[in-house]
Amino acid sequence: MRRYLASLNPQLSRQLWTLLSGSFFNALGNGVVFPFLLIYLHNVRGISLGTAGLVLAATSVAGLAAGPLSGSLIDHLGPRIVLVTSMVVSAAGFGGFAFVHSVRAAFAAAILAGLGNGSFWPSHATMVAALTERESRHNAYAMQRVLNNLGIGVGGVVGGLIATTSHPSSYELLFLIDALTFGGYILALWFVPSPPRVVRETDAPAAGYRQVLRHKTFLAYIVLNASLVAIGFSLLGDIFPAFAKNVAHVNERGIGLCFLANTLVIVVAQLPVAKWLEGRRRMAAYTVEGTIWAVSWLIVFAGGWWFTGSAATAVFALALTIFGLGECFHGTIQNALIADLSKPGLLGRYLALNGFGFQLGGAVGRAAGGFALALLPHGVWLIAAAAAFAAGLSALLLERVLPEALRRTPRLAAVAAD
């Protein structure tokens, strides 16, 4: 047991731990608002579910615009300056939701939030990749998932204890807290030096994105990842809370507890899953993920169909716990594989284009999910379950075109026992 626990040590540098601690504060603020944003727009501000879904989709669409530009800036200026800028814009966007009283204002806040979020993920992921070696990179991203989900889970509980639709000011407080946590990330970033620049090979073409867009295997992976985002993360973070609140009559505290259950399984299971995946097929891990998510959405369907109130809360907590296990597979594979696929000097663009796909999947999932929730509140989960299972199976097709050397997760050198 002692040797096994030692083997879970991600072996990260102090600089990387500092960076990830800032990411934790950012995730804490996001957790405070994300589960309740659709509820806030619909139940507090009176915006219809379909339109509220479009507002959330606008966040992803703005991220689509920010991603490619941020990728170029990351490769030219370095990720640090892009990261700081993204935090400032995000604070203005998410903080601005507190002052929303119309659809137009909601879209304005969503666009600012999306611009900040769309430039945050590629710059943060580039910082993580630049501060790690290939053999430990999957563990670095796994540890990031642990801290991020811990922050989101704790934030969800805090938000659930504060927010109530009978007092709109309680929701406004959530957005203020979120805006302040972006400052916590900037403070942590102050103690992390800028990573060294990576120069492209002299024979590599100068046209950055043209070279990335010619990488067909990478583009196929982007499609797979975007599909999983649309039928997984976007439904989890935005559509499920509104379903639980308005269909199954779960209160904000219950929703926060459901997200806490999701967080706890990730905190406990993420590093063991990352360790277990070493030397194993990456695309097979996506197949497992899709299957797990399909089971989760079927449980959400059953919980909403047969139960309400506290009973539904218990069933939904089980569903999100199972969903979190699938997230552990996703978090281990995604960014580490992109770093392996990327060409020298173009990592920022690769991660930005993946972020583009992530935002596109999020926009589709949020927009379609909002309207589906209004028209088929129970049926949306059956459709999502089937789509998640199909997406997981499609990963096995992508494995055929992955370079042989990249099909399996690298092994981290064993930690010597004391």
Protein backbone atom coordinates (compact mmCIF):
# COMPACT_ATOMS: atom_id res chain seq x y z
CA MET A 1 0.00 0.00 0.00
CA ARG A 2 2.82 2.38 0.87
CA ARG A 3 4.50 1.78 -2.46
CA TYR A 4 1.21 2.22 -4.32
CA LEU A 5 0.50 5.53 -2.59
CA ALA A 6 4.03 6.68 -3.40
CA SER A 7 3.44 5.76 -7.05
CA LEU A 8 0.51 8.21 -7.14
CA ASN A 9 2.88 11.12 -6.49
CA PRO A 10 2.54 13.26 -9.66
CA GLN A 11 6.13 14.56 -9.18
CA LEU A 12 5.33 18.16 -10.04
CA SER A 13 7.59 21.17 -9.57
CA ARG A 14 6.92 23.92 -7.03
CA GLN A 15 6.23 26.34 -9.87
CA LEU A 16 3.57 24.05 -11.27
CA TRP A 17 1.95 23.56 -7.88
CA THR A 18 1.75 27.35 -7.55
CA LEU A 19 0.16 27.64 -10.99
CA LEU A 20 -2.38 24.93 -10.18
CA SER A 21 -3.24 26.58 -6.88
CA GLY A 22 -4.25 29.68 -8.83
CA SER A 23 -6.32 27.49 -11.10
CA PHE A 24 -8.05 26.14 -8.00
CA PHE A 25 -9.19 29.64 -6.99
CA ASN A 26 -10.48 30.22 -10.50
CA ALA A 27 -12.40 26.93 -10.39
CA LEU A 28 -13.80 27.80 -6.96
CA GLY A 29 -15.39 30.94 -8.37
CA ASN A 30 -16.69 29.09 -11.41
CA GLY A 31 -18.24 26.46 -9.17
CA VAL A 32 -20.08 29.16 -7.27
CA VAL A 33 -21.90 30.37 -10.40
CA PHE A 34 -21.87 27.66 -13.11
CA PRO A 35 -24.53 25.32 -11.66
CA PHE A 36 -26.91 28.23 -11.11
CA LEU A 37 -26.42 30.40 -14.18
CA LEU A 38 -29.30 29.00 -16.23
CA ILE A 39 -31.51 29.04 -13.13
CA TYR A 40 -30.56 32.67 -12.53
CA LEU A 41 -31.36 33.76 -16.08
CA HIS A 42 -34.67 31.86 -16.19
CA ASN A 43 -36.05 31.84 -12.66
CA VAL A 44 -34.65 35.14 -11.38
CA ARG A 45 -34.47 37.36 -14.47
CA GLY A 46 -37.45 35.85 -16.28
CA ILE A 47 -35.66 34.89 -19.51
CA SER A 48 -37.21 31.88 -21.27
CA LEU A 49 -35.31 28.58 -21.16
CA GLY A 50 -34.65 28.57 -24.90
CA THR A 51 -33.30 32.13 -24.89
CA ALA A 52 -31.31 31.50 -21.72
CA GLY A 53 -29.73 28.51 -23.45
CA LEU A 54 -28.76 30.80 -26.32
CA VAL A 55 -27.19 33.23 -23.86
CA LEU A 56 -25.04 30.42 -22.48
CA ALA A 57 -24.25 29.33 -26.04
CA ALA A 58 -23.08 32.90 -26.74
CA THR A 59 -20.39 32.33 -24.12
CA SER A 60 -19.07 29.43 -26.17
CA VAL A 61 -19.41 31.32 -29.46
CA ALA A 62 -17.34 34.19 -28.05
CA GLY A 63 -14.81 31.59 -26.92
CA LEU A 64 -14.67 30.37 -30.51
CA ALA A 65 -13.59 33.82 -31.62
CA ALA A 66 -11.05 34.24 -28.82
CA GLY A 67 -9.41 30.82 -29.13
CA PRO A 68 -7.56 31.07 -32.48
CA LEU A 69 -6.33 34.61 -31.77
CA SER A 70 -5.12 33.64 -28.32
CA GLY A 71 -3.24 30.68 -29.80
CA SER A 72 -1.24 32.97 -32.08
CA LEU A 73 -0.57 35.39 -29.23
CA ILE A 74 0.57 32.52 -26.98
CA ASP A 75 3.10 31.32 -29.54
CA HIS A 76 4.37 34.88 -30.21
CA LEU A 77 4.19 36.54 -26.78
CA GLY A 78 4.12 33.58 -24.42
CA PRO A 79 1.16 32.21 -22.41
CA ARG A 80 1.62 34.36 -19.29
CA ILE A 81 0.45 37.70 -20.69
CA VAL A 82 -2.51 36.03 -22.43
CA LEU A 83 -3.44 34.32 -19.18
CA VAL A 84 -3.50 37.57 -17.19
CA THR A 85 -5.58 39.30 -19.85
CA SER A 86 -8.06 36.44 -19.89
CA MET A 87 -8.54 36.73 -16.12
CA VAL A 88 -9.33 40.45 -16.33
CA VAL A 89 -11.85 39.96 -19.15
CA SER A 90 -13.45 36.99 -17.37
CA ALA A 91 -13.88 38.99 -14.18
CA ALA A 92 -15.68 41.72 -16.14
CA GLY A 93 -17.92 39.19 -17.89
CA PHE A 94 -18.95 36.96 -15.01
CA GLY A 95 -19.15 39.89 -12.61
CA GLY A 96 -21.34 41.66 -15.15
CA PHE A 97 -24.03 39.00 -14.86
CA ALA A 98 -24.94 40.52 -11.49
CA PHE A 99 -26.24 43.61 -13.31
CA VAL A 100 -28.23 41.75 -15.95
CA HIS A 101 -31.90 42.74 -16.19
CA SER A 102 -32.52 42.19 -19.91
CA VAL A 103 -31.70 39.75 -22.66
CA ARG A 104 -29.37 42.26 -24.33
CA ALA A 105 -27.36 42.75 -21.13
CA ALA A 106 -27.22 38.99 -20.61
CA PHE A 107 -25.72 38.50 -24.06
CA ALA A 108 -23.16 41.27 -23.41
CA ALA A 109 -22.00 39.65 -20.17
CA ALA A 110 -21.93 36.22 -21.84
CA ILE A 111 -19.75 37.48 -24.68
CA LEU A 112 -17.21 39.02 -22.29
CA ALA A 113 -17.17 35.86 -20.17
CA GLY A 114 -16.70 33.75 -23.30
CA LEU A 115 -13.81 35.87 -24.60
CA GLY A 116 -12.03 35.48 -21.27
CA ASN A 117 -12.77 31.78 -20.96
CA GLY A 118 -11.82 31.06 -24.58
CA SER A 119 -8.35 32.55 -24.10
CA PHE A 120 -7.85 31.15 -20.60
CA TRP A 121 -7.79 27.43 -21.37
CA PRO A 122 -5.16 27.36 -24.15
CA SER A 123 -2.87 29.76 -22.26
CA HIS A 124 -3.22 27.86 -18.99
CA ALA A 125 -2.74 24.48 -20.70
CA THR A 126 0.35 25.82 -22.50
CA MET A 127 1.82 26.96 -19.18
CA VAL A 128 1.26 23.49 -17.71
CA ALA A 129 2.82 21.75 -20.73
CA ALA A 130 5.83 24.08 -20.74
CA LEU A 131 6.53 23.41 -17.06
CA THR A 132 6.45 19.59 -17.35
CA GLU A 133 8.24 16.77 -19.13
CA ARG A 134 6.33 14.44 -21.49
CA GLU A 135 6.45 11.48 -19.09
CA SER A 136 4.78 13.41 -16.28
CA ARG A 137 2.48 15.62 -18.35
CA HIS A 138 -0.58 13.39 -18.03
CA ASN A 139 -0.14 13.46 -14.25
CA ALA A 140 0.10 17.26 -14.30
CA TYR A 141 -3.18 17.54 -16.17
CA ALA A 142 -4.71 14.91 -13.90
CA MET A 143 -3.69 16.92 -10.83
CA GLN A 144 -5.15 19.99 -12.49
CA ARG A 145 -8.44 18.11 -12.81
CA VAL A 146 -8.33 17.18 -9.13
CA LEU A 147 -7.84 20.76 -7.97
CA ASN A 148 -10.24 22.26 -10.51
CA ASN A 149 -13.01 19.86 -9.63
CA LEU A 150 -12.36 20.30 -5.93
CA GLY A 151 -12.77 24.03 -6.47
CA ILE A 152 -15.93 23.56 -8.53
CA GLY A 153 -17.41 21.17 -5.98
CA VAL A 154 -16.70 23.39 -2.99
CA GLY A 155 -17.93 26.37 -4.99
CA GLY A 156 -21.13 24.54 -5.86
CA VAL A 157 -21.84 23.91 -2.19
CA VAL A 158 -21.09 27.54 -1.32
CA GLY A 159 -23.32 28.75 -4.14
CA GLY A 160 -26.11 26.39 -3.08
CA LEU A 161 -25.98 27.70 0.48
CA ILE A 162 -26.09 31.34 -0.65
CA ALA A 163 -28.45 31.36 -3.64
CA THR A 164 -32.21 31.37 -3.47
CA THR A 165 -34.56 32.49 -6.21
CA SER A 166 -36.71 34.38 -3.70
CA HIS A 167 -33.82 36.80 -3.09
CA PRO A 168 -32.21 37.92 -6.38
CA SER A 169 -29.45 39.71 -4.48
CA SER A 170 -28.16 36.33 -3.31
CA TYR A 171 -27.41 35.44 -6.94
CA GLU A 172 -25.72 38.79 -7.46
CA LEU A 173 -23.39 37.91 -4.56
CA LEU A 174 -22.39 34.72 -6.39
CA PHE A 175 -21.13 36.69 -9.38
CA LEU A 176 -19.18 39.08 -7.14
CA ILE A 177 -17.44 36.12 -5.49
CA ASP A 178 -16.60 34.67 -8.90
CA ALA A 179 -15.11 37.96 -10.10
CA LEU A 180 -12.91 38.21 -6.99
CA THR A 181 -11.50 34.69 -7.41
CA PHE A 182 -9.97 35.62 -10.76
CA GLY A 183 -7.75 37.95 -8.78
CA GLY A 184 -6.59 34.98 -6.72
CA TYR A 185 -5.33 33.32 -9.88
CA ILE A 186 -3.46 36.45 -10.99
CA LEU A 187 -1.81 36.64 -7.55
CA ALA A 188 -0.61 33.03 -7.82
CA LEU A 189 0.63 33.66 -11.35
CA TRP A 190 2.86 36.45 -10.02
CA PHE A 191 5.08 33.77 -8.44
CA VAL A 192 5.33 31.61 -11.59
CA PRO A 193 8.03 32.60 -14.10
CA SER A 194 7.30 32.71 -17.80
CA PRO A 195 8.22 29.38 -19.41
CA PRO A 196 10.96 29.36 -22.06
CA ARG A 197 9.84 29.99 -25.62
CA VAL A 198 9.88 27.02 -28.03
CA VAL A 199 11.26 27.89 -31.45
CA ARG A 200 9.93 26.17 -34.55
CA GLU A 201 12.27 23.99 -36.56
CA THR A 202 14.01 25.91 -39.32
CA ASP A 203 12.45 23.79 -42.04
CA ALA A 204 8.91 24.19 -40.65
CA PRO A 205 6.60 26.44 -42.66
CA ALA A 206 5.90 29.86 -41.15
CA ALA A 207 2.14 29.67 -41.70
CA GLY A 208 1.06 28.65 -38.20
CA TYR A 209 -2.61 27.69 -38.39
CA ARG A 210 -2.30 26.40 -41.96
CA GLN A 211 0.15 23.81 -40.68
CA VAL A 212 -2.14 22.85 -37.81
CA LEU A 213 -5.19 22.61 -40.09
CA ARG A 214 -3.31 20.21 -42.37
CA HIS A 215 -2.92 17.81 -39.44
CA LYS A 216 -5.86 15.52 -40.24
CA THR A 217 -5.42 13.22 -37.25
CA PHE A 218 -5.53 16.18 -34.90
CA LEU A 219 -8.65 17.56 -36.59
CA ALA A 220 -10.37 14.19 -36.22
CA TYR A 221 -9.52 14.26 -32.54
CA ILE A 222 -10.99 17.77 -32.25
CA VAL A 223 -14.30 16.49 -33.65
CA LEU A 224 -14.35 13.62 -31.14
CA ASN A 225 -13.56 15.90 -28.23
CA ALA A 226 -16.14 18.51 -29.26
CA SER A 227 -18.79 15.78 -29.47
CA LEU A 228 -18.03 14.61 -25.95
CA VAL A 229 -18.17 18.19 -24.69
CA ALA A 230 -21.60 18.75 -26.30
CA ILE A 231 -23.16 15.63 -24.79
CA GLY A 232 -21.20 15.66 -21.56
CA PHE A 233 -19.78 18.78 -19.96
CA SER A 234 -22.27 21.27 -21.42
CA LEU A 235 -25.26 19.22 -20.22
CA LEU A 236 -23.66 18.65 -16.82
CA GLY A 237 -22.80 22.25 -16.08
CA ASP A 238 -25.72 24.12 -17.64
CA ILE A 239 -28.71 21.93 -18.50
CA PHE A 240 -28.78 19.46 -15.61
CA PRO A 241 -29.14 22.11 -12.84
CA ALA A 242 -32.16 23.69 -14.56
CA PHE A 243 -33.70 20.23 -15.10
CA ALA A 244 -33.16 19.34 -11.45
CA LYS A 245 -34.64 22.65 -10.27
CA ASN A 246 -37.63 23.02 -12.57
CA VAL A 247 -38.60 19.42 -13.35
CA ALA A 248 -37.52 17.39 -10.31
CA HIS A 249 -38.01 20.25 -7.82
CA VAL A 250 -34.53 19.99 -6.31
CA ASN A 251 -33.52 23.17 -4.46
CA GLU A 252 -30.23 25.03 -4.87
CA ARG A 253 -28.67 23.33 -1.84
CA GLY A 254 -29.47 19.91 -3.29
CA ILE A 255 -27.95 20.88 -6.63
CA GLY A 256 -24.79 22.02 -4.85
CA LEU A 257 -24.59 18.68 -3.03
CA CYS A 258 -24.93 16.82 -6.34
CA PHE A 259 -21.93 18.70 -7.71
CA LEU A 260 -20.04 18.04 -4.49
CA ALA A 261 -20.59 14.30 -5.04
CA ASN A 262 -19.22 14.72 -8.56
CA THR A 263 -16.19 16.53 -7.16
CA LEU A 264 -15.39 14.03 -4.45
CA VAL A 265 -15.14 11.09 -6.83
CA ILE A 266 -12.78 13.06 -9.07
CA VAL A 267 -10.62 14.11 -6.11
CA VAL A 268 -10.38 10.51 -4.95
CA ALA A 269 -10.18 8.70 -8.30
CA GLN A 270 -8.34 11.05 -10.67
CA LEU A 271 -4.75 10.20 -9.76
CA PRO A 272 -5.41 6.42 -9.44
CA VAL A 273 -7.11 6.50 -12.87
CA ALA A 274 -4.16 8.43 -14.33
CA LYS A 275 -1.78 5.85 -12.86
CA TRP A 276 -3.90 2.95 -14.13
CA LEU A 277 -3.96 4.42 -17.65
CA GLU A 278 -0.16 4.50 -17.93
CA GLY A 279 0.80 2.19 -20.75
CA ARG A 280 -2.84 1.68 -21.76
CA ARG A 281 -4.65 2.71 -24.95
CA ARG A 282 -5.80 6.31 -24.92
CA MET A 283 -8.75 5.88 -27.28
CA ALA A 284 -10.03 2.86 -25.37
CA ALA A 285 -10.16 5.18 -22.36
CA TYR A 286 -12.50 7.45 -24.33
CA THR A 287 -14.72 4.46 -25.06
CA VAL A 288 -14.95 3.74 -21.34
CA GLU A 289 -15.70 7.41 -20.71
CA GLY A 290 -18.56 7.49 -23.24
CA THR A 291 -20.08 4.35 -21.74
CA ILE A 292 -19.89 5.75 -18.20
CA TRP A 293 -21.52 9.00 -19.27
CA ALA A 294 -24.30 7.12 -21.04
CA VAL A 295 -25.06 5.28 -17.79
CA SER A 296 -25.03 8.59 -15.90
CA TRP A 297 -27.58 10.23 -18.18
CA LEU A 298 -29.85 7.19 -17.97
CA ILE A 299 -29.79 7.52 -14.18
CA VAL A 300 -30.64 11.24 -14.48
CA PHE A 301 -33.57 10.28 -16.70
CA ALA A 302 -34.78 7.71 -14.16
CA GLY A 303 -34.35 10.11 -11.24
CA GLY A 304 -36.35 12.84 -12.95
CA TRP A 305 -39.03 10.46 -14.20
CA TRP A 306 -39.79 8.70 -10.90
CA PHE A 307 -38.65 11.03 -8.13
CA THR A 308 -38.77 14.63 -6.93
CA GLY A 309 -37.25 16.62 -4.10
CA SER A 310 -34.80 14.91 -1.76
CA ALA A 311 -35.28 11.48 -3.38
CA ALA A 312 -34.36 12.93 -6.78
CA THR A 313 -31.38 14.65 -5.18
CA ALA A 314 -30.02 11.30 -4.00
CA VAL A 315 -30.45 9.71 -7.44
CA PHE A 316 -28.88 12.70 -9.20
CA ALA A 317 -25.93 12.63 -6.78
CA LEU A 318 -25.34 9.01 -7.78
CA ALA A 319 -25.51 9.95 -11.47
CA LEU A 320 -23.01 12.78 -11.09
CA THR A 321 -20.72 10.55 -9.05
CA ILE A 322 -20.62 8.06 -11.91
CA PHE A 323 -20.21 10.90 -14.41
CA GLY A 324 -17.17 12.13 -12.46
CA LEU A 325 -15.45 8.78 -12.93
CA GLY A 326 -15.74 9.27 -16.69
CA GLU A 327 -14.28 12.75 -16.32
CA CYS A 328 -11.16 11.19 -14.79
CA PHE A 329 -10.49 9.37 -18.07
CA HIS A 330 -11.05 12.54 -20.09
CA GLY A 331 -8.81 14.70 -17.91
CA THR A 332 -5.90 12.27 -18.12
CA ILE A 333 -5.91 11.95 -21.89
CA GLN A 334 -6.96 15.24 -23.51
CA ASN A 335 -4.24 17.90 -23.17
CA ALA A 336 -1.37 15.44 -22.82
CA LEU A 337 -2.30 13.88 -26.18
CA ILE A 338 -2.55 17.30 -27.83
CA ALA A 339 0.91 18.22 -26.54
CA ASP A 340 2.24 14.97 -28.04
CA LEU A 341 0.54 15.64 -31.38
CA SER A 342 1.67 19.28 -31.66
CA LYS A 343 4.54 20.52 -33.79
CA PRO A 344 7.44 22.48 -32.19
CA GLY A 345 6.59 26.12 -31.60
CA LEU A 346 2.90 25.63 -32.35
CA LEU A 347 1.60 24.23 -29.06
CA GLY A 348 -0.40 27.37 -28.32
CA ARG A 349 -2.21 27.08 -31.66
CA TYR A 350 -2.90 23.37 -31.17
CA LEU A 351 -4.37 23.96 -27.73
CA ALA A 352 -6.30 26.99 -28.97
CA LEU A 353 -7.83 24.98 -31.80
CA ASN A 354 -8.78 22.28 -29.33
CA GLY A 355 -10.31 25.05 -27.23
CA PHE A 356 -12.19 26.16 -30.35
CA GLY A 357 -13.64 22.66 -30.65
CA PHE A 358 -14.41 22.62 -26.93
CA GLN A 359 -16.29 25.92 -27.18
CA LEU A 360 -18.09 24.78 -30.33
CA GLY A 361 -19.24 21.60 -28.62
CA GLY A 362 -20.29 23.65 -25.61
CA ALA A 363 -22.27 26.09 -27.77
CA VAL A 364 -24.11 23.28 -29.55
CA GLY A 365 -24.80 21.42 -26.31
CA ARG A 366 -26.05 24.50 -24.48
CA ALA A 367 -28.22 25.83 -27.30
CA ALA A 368 -29.73 22.45 -28.21
CA GLY A 369 -30.00 21.45 -24.56
CA GLY A 370 -31.86 24.62 -23.61
CA PHE A 371 -34.53 24.12 -26.27
CA ALA A 372 -34.69 20.36 -25.66
CA LEU A 373 -35.18 20.99 -21.96
CA ALA A 374 -38.14 23.21 -22.77
CA LEU A 375 -39.69 20.73 -25.24
CA LEU A 376 -38.56 17.28 -24.03
CA PRO A 377 -37.27 17.67 -20.46
CA HIS A 378 -36.98 13.90 -19.90
CA GLY A 379 -36.20 12.81 -23.44
CA VAL A 380 -33.04 14.93 -23.64
CA TRP A 381 -31.28 12.49 -21.29
CA LEU A 382 -32.16 9.44 -23.39
CA ILE A 383 -30.79 11.17 -26.48
CA ALA A 384 -27.68 12.23 -24.58
CA ALA A 385 -27.07 8.68 -23.33
CA ALA A 386 -27.24 7.24 -26.84
CA ALA A 387 -24.97 9.97 -28.22
CA ALA A 388 -22.39 9.53 -25.45
CA PHE A 389 -22.18 5.79 -26.08
CA ALA A 390 -21.80 6.33 -29.84
CA ALA A 391 -19.08 8.95 -29.33
CA GLY A 392 -17.15 6.58 -27.09
CA LEU A 393 -17.24 3.84 -29.71
CA SER A 394 -16.09 6.25 -32.43
CA ALA A 395 -12.85 6.78 -30.51
CA LEU A 396 -11.77 3.27 -31.52
CA LEU A 397 -11.94 4.35 -35.16
CA LEU A 398 -9.65 7.32 -34.45
CA GLU A 399 -7.10 5.01 -32.84
CA ARG A 400 -6.35 3.51 -36.25
CA VAL A 401 -4.87 6.78 -37.53
CA LEU A 402 -2.98 7.80 -34.39
CA PRO A 403 0.81 7.34 -34.61
CA GLU A 404 1.77 4.08 -32.96
CA ALA A 405 4.03 5.83 -30.43
CA LEU A 406 1.16 8.04 -29.21
CA ARG A 407 -1.57 5.43 -28.80
CA ARG A 408 -0.72 4.69 -25.19
CA THR A 409 -0.27 6.94 -22.16
CA PRO A 410 3.45 7.27 -21.24
CA ARG A 411 4.67 5.63 -18.06
CA LEU A 412 6.06 7.79 -15.28
CA ALA A 413 9.21 6.48 -13.65
CA ALA A 414 8.41 4.73 -10.39
CA VAL A 415 8.94 6.70 -7.18
CA ALA A 416 11.45 5.03 -4.96
CA ALA A 417 10.06 4.00 -1.58
CA ASP A 418 11.71 5.44 1.51
